[in-house]
C-alpha atoms as a PDB file:
ATOM      1  CA  MET A   1     -65.299 -14.037 -30.961  1.00  0.00           C
ATOM      2  CA  THR A   2     -67.824 -16.774 -30.740  1.00  0.00           C
ATOM      3  CA  SER A   3     -69.171 -18.347 -27.584  1.00  0.00           C
ATOM      4  CA  GLU A   4     -67.693 -21.493 -28.850  1.00  0.00           C
ATOM      5  CA  THR A   5     -64.330 -20.010 -28.839  1.00  0.00           C
ATOM      6  CA  ARG A   6     -64.560 -18.741 -25.496  1.00  0.00           C
ATOM      7  CA  GLU A   7     -65.673 -22.352 -24.228  1.00  0.00           C
ATOM      8  CA  ALA A   8     -62.589 -23.907 -26.093  1.00  0.00           C
ATOM      9  CA  PHE A   9     -60.114 -21.718 -24.077  1.00  0.00           C
ATOM     10  CA  GLY A  10     -61.892 -22.244 -20.782  1.00  0.00           C
ATOM     11  CA  ARG A  11     -61.970 -19.641 -17.976  1.00  0.00           C
ATOM     12  CA  VAL A  12     -58.634 -20.799 -16.504  1.00  0.00           C
ATOM     13  CA  GLY A  13     -55.548 -22.350 -18.019  1.00  0.00           C
ATOM     14  CA  ILE A  14     -51.937 -23.146 -17.190  1.00  0.00           C
ATOM     15  CA  TRP A  15     -48.962 -21.218 -18.549  1.00  0.00           C
ATOM     16  CA  SER A  16     -45.716 -22.856 -18.206  1.00  0.00           C
ATOM     17  CA  GLY A  17     -42.103 -22.201 -19.615  1.00  0.00           C
ATOM     18  CA  ALA A  18     -41.077 -25.974 -18.842  1.00  0.00           C
ATOM     19  CA  LEU A  19     -43.202 -27.306 -21.660  1.00  0.00           C
ATOM     20  CA  HIS A  20     -40.529 -27.437 -24.184  1.00  0.00           C
ATOM     21  CA  GLY A  21     -40.853 -31.172 -25.086  1.00  0.00           C
ATOM     22  CA  ALA A  22     -38.781 -30.892 -28.478  1.00  0.00           C
ATOM     23  CA  ARG A  23     -35.656 -29.658 -26.802  1.00  0.00           C
ATOM     24  CA  ALA A  24     -35.867 -32.135 -23.736  1.00  0.00           C
ATOM     25  CA  HIS A  25     -33.818 -35.153 -23.223  1.00  0.00           C
ATOM     26  CA  ASP A  26     -35.932 -38.511 -23.594  1.00  0.00           C
ATOM     27  CA  ALA A  27     -36.734 -38.414 -19.728  1.00  0.00           C
ATOM     28  CA  GLY A  28     -37.837 -34.764 -19.977  1.00  0.00           C
ATOM     29  CA  LYS A  29     -39.952 -35.382 -22.899  1.00  0.00           C
ATOM     30  CA  GLU A  30     -41.805 -38.300 -21.135  1.00  0.00           C
ATOM     31  CA  ALA A  31     -42.137 -36.128 -17.966  1.00  0.00           C
ATOM     32  CA  ILE A  32     -43.637 -33.210 -20.212  1.00  0.00           C
ATOM     33  CA  ALA A  33     -46.101 -35.572 -21.886  1.00  0.00           C
ATOM     34  CA  ASP A  34     -47.186 -36.971 -18.635  1.00  0.00           C
ATOM     35  CA  ALA A  35     -47.775 -33.654 -16.917  1.00  0.00           C
ATOM     36  CA  VAL A  36     -49.700 -32.197 -19.773  1.00  0.00           C
ATOM     37  CA  ALA A  37     -52.063 -35.290 -20.009  1.00  0.00           C
ATOM     38  CA  GLU A  38     -52.587 -35.004 -16.378  1.00  0.00           C
ATOM     39  CA  LEU A  39     -53.546 -31.190 -16.799  1.00  0.00           C
ATOM     40  CA  GLU A  40     -55.991 -32.121 -19.644  1.00  0.00           C
ATOM     41  CA  GLU A  41     -57.375 -34.563 -17.143  1.00  0.00           C
ATOM     42  CA  LEU A  42     -57.608 -31.987 -14.366  1.00  0.00           C
ATOM     43  CA  GLY A  43     -59.890 -29.955 -16.652  1.00  0.00           C
ATOM     44  CA  TYR A  44     -57.657 -26.799 -17.577  1.00  0.00           C
ATOM     45  CA  GLY A  45     -59.071 -25.090 -20.468  1.00  0.00           C
ATOM     46  CA  THR A  46     -55.763 -24.152 -22.243  1.00  0.00           C
ATOM     47  CA  LEU A  47     -52.064 -25.085 -21.687  1.00  0.00           C
ATOM     48  CA  TRP A  48     -49.891 -22.235 -22.780  1.00  0.00           C
ATOM     49  CA  ILE A  49     -46.168 -23.041 -23.689  1.00  0.00           C
ATOM     50  CA  GLY A  50     -44.309 -20.379 -22.415  1.00  0.00           C
ATOM     51  CA  GLY A  51     -40.696 -19.201 -22.944  1.00  0.00           C
ATOM     52  CA  SER A  52     -40.426 -18.416 -26.725  1.00  0.00           C
ATOM     53  CA  PRO A  53     -41.362 -22.119 -27.644  1.00  0.00           C
ATOM     54  CA  SER A  54     -40.930 -23.422 -31.250  1.00  0.00           C
ATOM     55  CA  PRO A  55     -43.346 -24.845 -33.455  1.00  0.00           C
ATOM     56  CA  ASP A  56     -41.885 -28.325 -32.498  1.00  0.00           C
ATOM     57  CA  ASP A  57     -42.473 -27.656 -28.898  1.00  0.00           C
ATOM     58  CA  ALA A  58     -46.054 -27.042 -29.556  1.00  0.00           C
ATOM     59  CA  ALA A  59     -46.288 -30.263 -31.754  1.00  0.00           C
ATOM     60  CA  ALA A  60     -45.158 -32.457 -28.711  1.00  0.00           C
ATOM     61  CA  VAL A  61     -47.725 -30.932 -26.229  1.00  0.00           C
ATOM     62  CA  VAL A  62     -50.404 -31.386 -28.979  1.00  0.00           C
ATOM     63  CA  ALA A  63     -49.401 -34.982 -29.559  1.00  0.00           C
ATOM     64  CA  ALA A  64     -49.537 -35.865 -26.016  1.00  0.00           C
ATOM     65  CA  THR A  65     -53.111 -34.532 -25.282  1.00  0.00           C
ATOM     66  CA  ARG A  66     -56.455 -35.106 -27.046  1.00  0.00           C
ATOM     67  CA  THR A  67     -59.010 -32.239 -26.362  1.00  0.00           C
ATOM     68  CA  VAL A  68     -57.309 -29.384 -24.480  1.00  0.00           C
ATOM     69  CA  THR A  69     -56.511 -26.207 -26.213  1.00  0.00           C
ATOM     70  CA  VAL A  70     -52.779 -25.621 -26.867  1.00  0.00           C
ATOM     71  CA  ALA A  71     -51.352 -22.143 -27.490  1.00  0.00           C
ATOM     72  CA  THR A  72     -47.659 -20.760 -27.776  1.00  0.00           C
ATOM     73  CA  GLY A  73     -47.045 -17.996 -24.991  1.00  0.00           C
ATOM     74  CA  ILE A  74     -45.250 -16.608 -27.006  1.00  0.00           C
ATOM     75  CA  LEU A  75     -43.481 -17.528 -30.301  1.00  0.00           C
ATOM     76  CA  SER A  76     -41.056 -14.587 -31.288  1.00  0.00           C
ATOM     77  CA  ILE A  77     -41.483 -13.551 -34.728  1.00  0.00           C
ATOM     78  CA  TRP A  78     -37.489 -13.139 -34.977  1.00  0.00           C
ATOM     79  CA  ASP A  79     -36.844 -16.730 -34.129  1.00  0.00           C
ATOM     80  CA  HIS A  80     -38.920 -18.207 -37.159  1.00  0.00           C
ATOM     81  CA  THR A  81     -39.735 -17.114 -40.444  1.00  0.00           C
ATOM     82  CA  ALA A  82     -43.549 -16.909 -41.167  1.00  0.00           C
ATOM     83  CA  GLU A  83     -43.422 -19.375 -44.006  1.00  0.00           C
ATOM     84  CA  GLU A  84     -41.493 -21.814 -41.837  1.00  0.00           C
ATOM     85  CA  VAL A  85     -44.169 -21.514 -38.964  1.00  0.00           C
ATOM     86  CA  ALA A  86     -47.284 -21.537 -41.497  1.00  0.00           C
ATOM     87  CA  ALA A  87     -45.679 -24.902 -42.909  1.00  0.00           C
ATOM     88  CA  ARG A  88     -45.316 -26.529 -39.272  1.00  0.00           C
ATOM     89  CA  ILE A  89     -48.635 -25.259 -38.238  1.00  0.00           C
ATOM     90  CA  ALA A  90     -50.392 -26.900 -41.329  1.00  0.00           C
ATOM     91  CA  ALA A  91     -48.561 -30.175 -40.004  1.00  0.00           C
ATOM     92  CA  ILE A  92     -49.570 -29.665 -36.248  1.00  0.00           C
ATOM     93  CA  ASP A  93     -53.360 -28.793 -37.306  1.00  0.00           C
ATOM     94  CA  ALA A  94     -53.623 -32.218 -39.171  1.00  0.00           C
ATOM     95  CA  SER A  95     -53.732 -33.761 -35.620  1.00  0.00           C
ATOM     96  CA  ALA A  96     -54.846 -30.966 -33.319  1.00  0.00           C
ATOM     97  CA  ARG A  97     -57.972 -30.457 -35.384  1.00  0.00           C
ATOM     98  CA  GLY A  98     -58.659 -27.000 -34.652  1.00  0.00           C
ATOM     99  CA  ARG A  99     -57.349 -26.752 -30.878  1.00  0.00           C
ATOM    100  CA  PHE A 100     -53.816 -25.001 -31.481  1.00  0.00           C
ATOM    101  CA  VAL A 101     -53.377 -21.423 -31.273  1.00  0.00           C
ATOM    102  CA  LEU A 102     -50.305 -19.567 -32.345  1.00  0.00           C
ATOM    103  CA  GLY A 103     -49.405 -16.981 -29.880  1.00  0.00           C
ATOM    104  CA  LEU A 104     -46.867 -14.537 -31.268  1.00  0.00           C
ATOM    105  CA  GLY A 105     -44.859 -11.769 -29.989  1.00  0.00           C
ATOM    106  CA  VAL A 106     -42.165  -9.225 -30.901  1.00  0.00           C
ATOM    107  CA  SER A 107     -39.942 -10.065 -27.509  1.00  0.00           C
ATOM    108  CA  HIS A 108     -37.535  -7.273 -26.539  1.00  0.00           C
ATOM    109  CA  GLY A 109     -34.949  -5.209 -27.694  1.00  0.00           C
ATOM    110  CA  PRO A 110     -32.149  -6.325 -25.335  1.00  0.00           C
ATOM    111  CA  MET A 111     -32.753  -9.855 -26.227  1.00  0.00           C
ATOM    112  CA  VAL A 112     -32.905  -9.651 -30.318  1.00  0.00           C
ATOM    113  CA  PRO A 113     -30.005  -8.132 -32.096  1.00  0.00           C
ATOM    114  CA  GLN A 114     -32.091  -7.488 -35.352  1.00  0.00           C
ATOM    115  CA  TYR A 115     -34.889  -5.981 -33.320  1.00  0.00           C
ATOM    116  CA  THR A 116     -36.512  -3.099 -35.252  1.00  0.00           C
ATOM    117  CA  LYS A 117     -39.719  -1.349 -35.523  1.00  0.00           C
ATOM    118  CA  PRO A 118     -41.708  -3.919 -33.493  1.00  0.00           C
ATOM    119  CA  TYR A 119     -45.230  -3.008 -34.653  1.00  0.00           C
ATOM    120  CA  SER A 120     -44.252  -2.754 -38.325  1.00  0.00           C
ATOM    121  CA  ALA A 121     -42.333  -6.140 -38.034  1.00  0.00           C
ATOM    122  CA  MET A 122     -45.401  -7.792 -36.579  1.00  0.00           C
ATOM    123  CA  VAL A 123     -47.705  -6.309 -39.349  1.00  0.00           C
ATOM    124  CA  ASP A 124     -45.435  -7.859 -41.900  1.00  0.00           C
ATOM    125  CA  TYR A 125     -45.221 -11.256 -40.248  1.00  0.00           C
ATOM    126  CA  LEU A 126     -49.052 -11.264 -40.104  1.00  0.00           C
ATOM    127  CA  ASP A 127     -49.226 -10.356 -43.718  1.00  0.00           C
ATOM    128  CA  ALA A 128     -46.743 -12.871 -44.692  1.00  0.00           C
ATOM    129  CA  LEU A 129     -48.672 -15.868 -42.382  1.00  0.00           C
ATOM    130  CA  ASP A 130     -52.055 -14.570 -44.560  1.00  0.00           C
ATOM    131  CA  ALA A 131     -49.941 -15.174 -47.659  1.00  0.00           C
ATOM    132  CA  ALA A 132     -48.462 -18.432 -46.891  1.00  0.00           C
ATOM    133  CA  THR A 133     -49.602 -21.808 -48.445  1.00  0.00           C
ATOM    134  CA  PRO A 134     -51.711 -22.618 -46.499  1.00  0.00           C
ATOM    135  CA  PRO A 135     -52.392 -19.486 -44.648  1.00  0.00           C
ATOM    136  CA  VAL A 136     -52.773 -19.294 -40.920  1.00  0.00           C
ATOM    137  CA  ASN A 137     -56.197 -18.685 -39.809  1.00  0.00           C
ATOM    138  CA  PRO A 138     -56.350 -15.316 -38.152  1.00  0.00           C
ATOM    139  CA  GLY A 139     -59.033 -17.034 -35.656  1.00  0.00           C
ATOM    140  CA  HIS A 140     -56.226 -19.378 -34.535  1.00  0.00           C
ATOM    141  CA  ARG A 141     -53.485 -16.745 -33.444  1.00  0.00           C
ATOM    142  CA  VAL A 142     -53.128 -14.342 -30.728  1.00  0.00           C
ATOM    143  CA  LEU A 143     -50.735 -11.436 -30.129  1.00  0.00           C
ATOM    144  CA  ALA A 144     -48.602 -10.688 -27.160  1.00  0.00           C
ATOM    145  CA  ALA A 145     -49.844  -7.015 -26.742  1.00  0.00           C
ATOM    146  CA  LEU A 146     -49.310  -4.412 -23.984  1.00  0.00           C
ATOM    147  CA  GLY A 147     -49.910  -1.069 -25.562  1.00  0.00           C
ATOM    148  CA  PRO A 148     -52.928   0.458 -27.429  1.00  0.00           C
ATOM    149  CA  LYS A 149     -51.409   0.131 -30.924  1.00  0.00           C
ATOM    150  CA  MET A 150     -50.579  -3.788 -30.580  1.00  0.00           C
ATOM    151  CA  LEU A 151     -53.866  -4.302 -28.711  1.00  0.00           C
ATOM    152  CA  LYS A 152     -55.763  -2.719 -31.813  1.00  0.00           C
ATOM    153  CA  LEU A 153     -53.841  -4.926 -34.133  1.00  0.00           C
ATOM    154  CA  ALA A 154     -54.389  -8.138 -31.924  1.00  0.00           C
ATOM    155  CA  ALA A 155     -58.295  -7.174 -32.233  1.00  0.00           C
ATOM    156  CA  ASP A 156     -57.977  -6.617 -36.283  1.00  0.00           C
ATOM    157  CA  ARG A 157     -55.715  -9.253 -37.323  1.00  0.00           C
ATOM    158  CA  ALA A 158     -55.972 -12.157 -34.705  1.00  0.00           C
ATOM    159  CA  LEU A 159     -58.300 -13.640 -32.181  1.00  0.00           C
ATOM    160  CA  GLY A 160     -57.167 -11.246 -29.476  1.00  0.00           C
ATOM    161  CA  ALA A 161     -54.490 -10.617 -27.181  1.00  0.00           C
ATOM    162  CA  HIS A 162     -52.272 -12.539 -24.573  1.00  0.00           C
ATOM    163  CA  PRO A 163     -50.588  -9.870 -22.302  1.00  0.00           C
ATOM    164  CA  TYR A 164     -47.962 -10.974 -19.827  1.00  0.00           C
ATOM    165  CA  LEU A 165     -47.123  -9.336 -16.464  1.00  0.00           C
ATOM    166  CA  VAL A 166     -50.207  -7.018 -16.163  1.00  0.00           C
ATOM    167  CA  THR A 167     -52.729  -5.648 -13.536  1.00  0.00           C
ATOM    168  CA  THR A 168     -56.285  -5.752 -13.481  1.00  0.00           C
ATOM    169  CA  GLU A 169     -56.296  -2.212 -14.320  1.00  0.00           C
ATOM    170  CA  HIS A 170     -54.327  -2.921 -17.468  1.00  0.00           C
ATOM    171  CA  THR A 171     -56.997  -5.760 -18.366  1.00  0.00           C
ATOM    172  CA  ALA A 172     -59.801  -3.308 -17.900  1.00  0.00           C
ATOM    173  CA  GLU A 173     -57.998  -0.969 -20.216  1.00  0.00           C
ATOM    174  CA  ALA A 174     -57.289  -3.561 -22.899  1.00  0.00           C
ATOM    175  CA  ARG A 175     -60.782  -4.778 -22.987  1.00  0.00           C
ATOM    176  CA  GLU A 176     -61.858  -1.053 -23.950  1.00  0.00           C
ATOM    177  CA  VAL A 177     -59.332  -0.954 -26.745  1.00  0.00           C
ATOM    178  CA  LEU A 178     -60.071  -4.610 -28.011  1.00  0.00           C
ATOM    179  CA  GLY A 179     -63.780  -4.390 -27.799  1.00  0.00           C
ATOM    180  CA  PRO A 180     -66.192  -6.885 -26.538  1.00  0.00           C
ATOM    181  CA  ASP A 181     -65.675  -9.580 -29.286  1.00  0.00           C
ATOM    182  CA  ALA A 182     -61.819 -10.264 -29.117  1.00  0.00           C
ATOM    183  CA  LEU A 183     -60.142 -12.775 -26.893  1.00  0.00           C
ATOM    184  CA  LEU A 184     -58.470 -11.373 -23.888  1.00  0.00           C
ATOM    185  CA  ALA A 185     -56.355 -13.914 -22.044  1.00  0.00           C
ATOM    186  CA  PRO A 186     -53.689 -12.359 -19.573  1.00  0.00           C
ATOM    187  CA  GLU A 187     -51.160 -14.272 -17.852  1.00  0.00           C
ATOM    188  CA  LEU A 188     -51.069 -14.228 -13.845  1.00  0.00           C
ATOM    189  CA  SER A 189     -48.146 -15.500 -12.074  1.00  0.00           C
ATOM    190  CA  VAL A 190     -49.130 -17.267  -8.853  1.00  0.00           C
ATOM    191  CA  VAL A 191     -47.155 -18.296  -5.885  1.00  0.00           C
ATOM    192  CA  LEU A 192     -48.789 -20.767  -3.498  1.00  0.00           C
ATOM    193  CA  ASP A 193     -47.173 -19.743  -0.064  1.00  0.00           C
ATOM    194  CA  THR A 194     -48.921 -18.364   2.856  1.00  0.00           C
ATOM    195  CA  ASP A 195     -45.792 -16.941   4.151  1.00  0.00           C
ATOM    196  CA  LEU A 196     -46.140 -13.623   2.443  1.00  0.00           C
ATOM    197  CA  ASP A 197     -42.581 -12.616   3.073  1.00  0.00           C
ATOM    198  CA  ARG A 198     -41.369 -15.658   1.400  1.00  0.00           C
ATOM    199  CA  ALA A 199     -43.972 -15.453  -1.368  1.00  0.00           C
ATOM    200  CA  ARG A 200     -42.673 -11.894  -2.293  1.00  0.00           C
ATOM    201  CA  THR A 201     -39.335 -13.213  -2.479  1.00  0.00           C
ATOM    202  CA  THR A 202     -40.135 -15.880  -4.968  1.00  0.00           C
ATOM    203  CA  ALA A 203     -41.909 -13.063  -7.037  1.00  0.00           C
ATOM    204  CA  ARG A 204     -38.978 -10.972  -6.755  1.00  0.00           C
ATOM    205  CA  ASN A 205     -36.724 -13.721  -8.186  1.00  0.00           C
ATOM    206  CA  MET A 206     -38.708 -14.051 -11.138  1.00  0.00           C
ATOM    207  CA  LEU A 207     -39.542 -10.295 -11.618  1.00  0.00           C
ATOM    208  CA  ALA A 208     -36.265  -8.937 -11.472  1.00  0.00           C
ATOM    209  CA  MET A 209     -35.263 -10.008 -14.895  1.00  0.00           C
ATOM    210  CA  TYR A 210     -38.417  -8.609 -16.660  1.00  0.00           C
ATOM    211  CA  LEU A 211     -37.733  -5.194 -15.017  1.00  0.00           C
ATOM    212  CA  GLN A 212     -34.744  -4.967 -17.155  1.00  0.00           C
ATOM    213  CA  LEU A 213     -37.109  -5.016 -20.137  1.00  0.00           C
ATOM    214  CA  PRO A 214     -38.463  -1.681 -21.378  1.00  0.00           C
ATOM    215  CA  ASN A 215     -41.574  -3.179 -22.906  1.00  0.00           C
ATOM    216  CA  TYR A 216     -42.648  -4.125 -19.328  1.00  0.00           C
ATOM    217  CA  THR A 217     -41.291  -1.281 -17.472  1.00  0.00           C
ATOM    218  CA  ASP A 218     -42.711   1.235 -19.977  1.00  0.00           C
ATOM    219  CA  ASN A 219     -46.251  -0.315 -19.420  1.00  0.00           C
ATOM    220  CA  LEU A 220     -46.047  -0.252 -15.826  1.00  0.00           C
ATOM    221  CA  LEU A 221     -45.047   3.371 -16.025  1.00  0.00           C
ATOM    222  CA  ARG A 222     -48.222   4.054 -17.917  1.00  0.00           C
ATOM    223  CA  LEU A 223     -50.191   2.371 -15.373  1.00  0.00           C
ATOM    224  CA  GLY A 224     -49.132   4.622 -12.608  1.00  0.00           C
ATOM    225  CA  PHE A 225     -46.177   2.954 -11.093  1.00  0.00           C
ATOM    226  CA  THR A 226     -42.649   4.645 -10.813  1.00  0.00           C
ATOM    227  CA  ASP A 227     -39.224   3.901 -10.959  1.00  0.00           C
ATOM    228  CA  SER A 228     -39.041   3.505  -7.354  1.00  0.00           C
ATOM    229  CA  ASP A 229     -41.354   0.472  -7.606  1.00  0.00           C
ATOM    230  CA  PHE A 230     -38.627  -1.370  -9.804  1.00  0.00           C
ATOM    231  CA  GLU A 231     -36.006  -1.101  -7.118  1.00  0.00           C
ATOM    232  CA  GLY A 232     -34.729  -4.370  -5.326  1.00  0.00           C
ATOM    233  CA  GLY A 233     -36.783  -6.848  -7.535  1.00  0.00           C
ATOM    234  CA  GLY A 234     -40.031  -4.835  -6.994  1.00  0.00           C
ATOM    235  CA  SER A 235     -41.946  -2.824  -4.458  1.00  0.00           C
ATOM    236  CA  VAL A 236     -44.751  -4.471  -2.351  1.00  0.00           C
ATOM    237  CA  ARG A 237     -47.325  -2.704  -4.219  1.00  0.00           C
ATOM    238  CA  LEU A 238     -45.933  -3.581  -7.522  1.00  0.00           C
ATOM    239  CA  LEU A 239     -45.923  -7.526  -6.269  1.00  0.00           C
ATOM    240  CA  ASP A 240     -49.111  -7.577  -4.919  1.00  0.00           C
ATOM    241  CA  ALA A 241     -50.766  -5.903  -8.469  1.00  0.00           C
ATOM    242  CA  LEU A 242     -48.835  -8.080 -10.612  1.00  0.00           C
ATOM    243  CA  PHE A 243     -48.953 -11.690  -8.699  1.00  0.00           C
ATOM    244  CA  ALA A 244     -51.444 -13.815  -6.581  1.00  0.00           C
ATOM    245  CA  LEU A 245     -49.579 -14.654  -3.426  1.00  0.00           C
ATOM    246  CA  GLY A 246     -51.222 -16.852  -0.758  1.00  0.00           C
ATOM    247  CA  ASP A 247     -53.092 -19.978  -0.668  1.00  0.00           C
ATOM    248  CA  ALA A 248     -55.338 -21.408  -3.492  1.00  0.00           C
ATOM    249  CA  GLU A 249     -58.359 -19.533  -2.484  1.00  0.00           C
ATOM    250  CA  ARG A 250     -56.455 -16.088  -2.711  1.00  0.00           C
ATOM    251  CA  VAL A 251     -55.378 -17.284  -6.199  1.00  0.00           C
ATOM    252  CA  ARG A 252     -58.996 -17.962  -6.985  1.00  0.00           C
ATOM    253  CA  ALA A 253     -60.058 -14.671  -5.900  1.00  0.00           C
ATOM    254  CA  ARG A 254     -57.320 -12.962  -7.765  1.00  0.00           C
ATOM    255  CA  THR A 255     -58.209 -14.629 -11.033  1.00  0.00           C
ATOM    256  CA  ARG A 256     -61.780 -13.618 -10.499  1.00  0.00           C
ATOM    257  CA  GLU A 257     -60.543  -9.743 -10.297  1.00  0.00           C
ATOM    258  CA  TYR A 258     -59.109 -10.348 -13.936  1.00  0.00           C
ATOM    259  CA  LEU A 259     -62.072 -11.672 -15.206  1.00  0.00           C
ATOM    260  CA  ASP A 260     -64.435  -9.199 -13.792  1.00  0.00           C
ATOM    261  CA  ALA A 261     -61.949  -6.728 -15.185  1.00  0.00           C
ATOM    262  CA  GLY A 262     -62.761  -7.972 -18.880  1.00  0.00           C
ATOM    263  CA  ALA A 263     -60.458 -10.969 -19.346  1.00  0.00           C
ATOM    264  CA  ASP A 264     -62.153 -14.022 -20.928  1.00  0.00           C
ATOM    265  CA  HIS A 265     -59.366 -16.383 -19.822  1.00  0.00           C
ATOM    266  CA  VAL A 266     -56.605 -16.234 -17.122  1.00  0.00           C
ATOM    267  CA  ALA A 267     -53.333 -18.283 -17.856  1.00  0.00           C
ATOM    268  CA  LEU A 268     -51.865 -19.134 -14.466  1.00  0.00           C
ATOM    269  CA  GLN A 269     -48.151 -19.425 -14.103  1.00  0.00           C
ATOM    270  CA  VAL A 270     -47.117 -21.151 -10.897  1.00  0.00           C
ATOM    271  CA  LEU A 271     -43.797 -20.024  -9.541  1.00  0.00           C
ATOM    272  CA  THR A 272     -41.961 -21.827  -6.639  1.00  0.00           C
ATOM    273  CA  ALA A 273     -39.273 -21.177  -4.310  1.00  0.00           C
ATOM    274  CA  ASP A 274     -36.774 -23.910  -5.658  1.00  0.00           C
ATOM    275  CA  GLU A 275     -37.446 -23.771  -9.330  1.00  0.00           C
ATOM    276  CA  GLY A 276     -39.229 -20.328 -10.168  1.00  0.00           C
ATOM    277  CA  GLY A 277     -41.179 -21.125 -13.207  1.00  0.00           C
ATOM    278  CA  ALA A 278     -38.620 -23.572 -14.600  1.00  0.00           C
ATOM    279  CA  GLY A 279     -40.210 -26.794 -13.237  1.00  0.00           C
ATOM    280  CA  LEU A 280     -43.340 -28.739 -13.626  1.00  0.00           C
ATOM    281  CA  PRO A 281     -45.141 -27.849 -10.087  1.00  0.00           C
ATOM    282  CA  ARG A 282     -47.670 -30.811 -10.515  1.00  0.00           C
ATOM    283  CA  ALA A 283     -48.673 -30.785  -6.704  1.00  0.00           C
ATOM    284  CA  GLU A 284     -49.517 -27.207  -7.179  1.00  0.00           C
ATOM    285  CA  TRP A 285     -51.353 -27.580 -10.485  1.00  0.00           C
ATOM    286  CA  ARG A 286     -53.654 -30.271  -8.808  1.00  0.00           C
ATOM    287  CA  GLN A 287     -54.204 -27.985  -5.710  1.00  0.00           C
ATOM    288  CA  LEU A 288     -55.528 -25.076  -7.975  1.00  0.00           C
ATOM    289  CA  ALA A 289     -57.424 -27.643 -10.186  1.00  0.00           C
ATOM    290  CA  GLU A 290     -59.471 -28.330  -7.087  1.00  0.00           C
ATOM    291  CA  VAL A 291     -60.186 -24.660  -5.881  1.00  0.00           C
ATOM    292  CA  PHE A 292     -61.084 -23.880  -9.417  1.00  0.00           C
ATOM    293  CA  ALA A 293     -63.233 -27.074  -9.960  1.00  0.00           C
ATOM    294  CA  ASP A 294     -66.473 -24.844 -10.678  1.00  0.00           C
ATOM    295  CA  ASP A 295     -64.398 -22.448 -13.151  1.00  0.00           C
ATOM    296  CA  LEU A 296     -62.709 -25.117 -15.559  1.00  0.00           C
END
């Protein structure tokens, strides 16, 4: 990965599942467009469209911004054919001018009826993207990768990896697998609340769903957690390892831990007590931009 690519991603970005502009009603589209324009002005390096976005969702965010990198985090390979995605990306790139990155993932068996052989399915999908007219540049795609095989594939066939719900220990291990040149851009969920009991409740409300998905629990078991850590929405040990809980300075310190472990970029997902990750927490985004002013 070139130094120019690292600079394009920036050290810190925002990850949000609420940036699905193509599916929103008119007022929602306007709110999203206004929010992403402000995020760009605040200086965040990359905007990650979370929650299985479509190419049209990405196009809407690209259209509302001018210079910031825009990435899908993560488009499911089961939801769209490679040929469809390649055609839509060609249209997006005409206006994005190199600042759009396609994040791809295999999703989860419980969520996809046709789910089978995820690694082979991803290889086939990448082959189809390479064969499309026009092809999707490997340097403008990243993979949702947790285990060693998918991480190696991310290094070989893409710009790098965008792991979700991981610890700093996983980040260090992922860097070893990826090597020094591939992009490593983990997601980190954030609760800006100095009442740690309340912050952990907010985190558990989000985490409980993911603890039903074997891809995540298997990865956490590999990292040394046990089944008891998954009970009740997550043990304190698990929550403190996966989240940044507390004030903005604590979030900055936790982000630095991921960068020191080998991440090039950290994608921050802000959770709130009222909306979890479903809203547009603009006040919190502004607060974080202030504390990260020297890092953006």
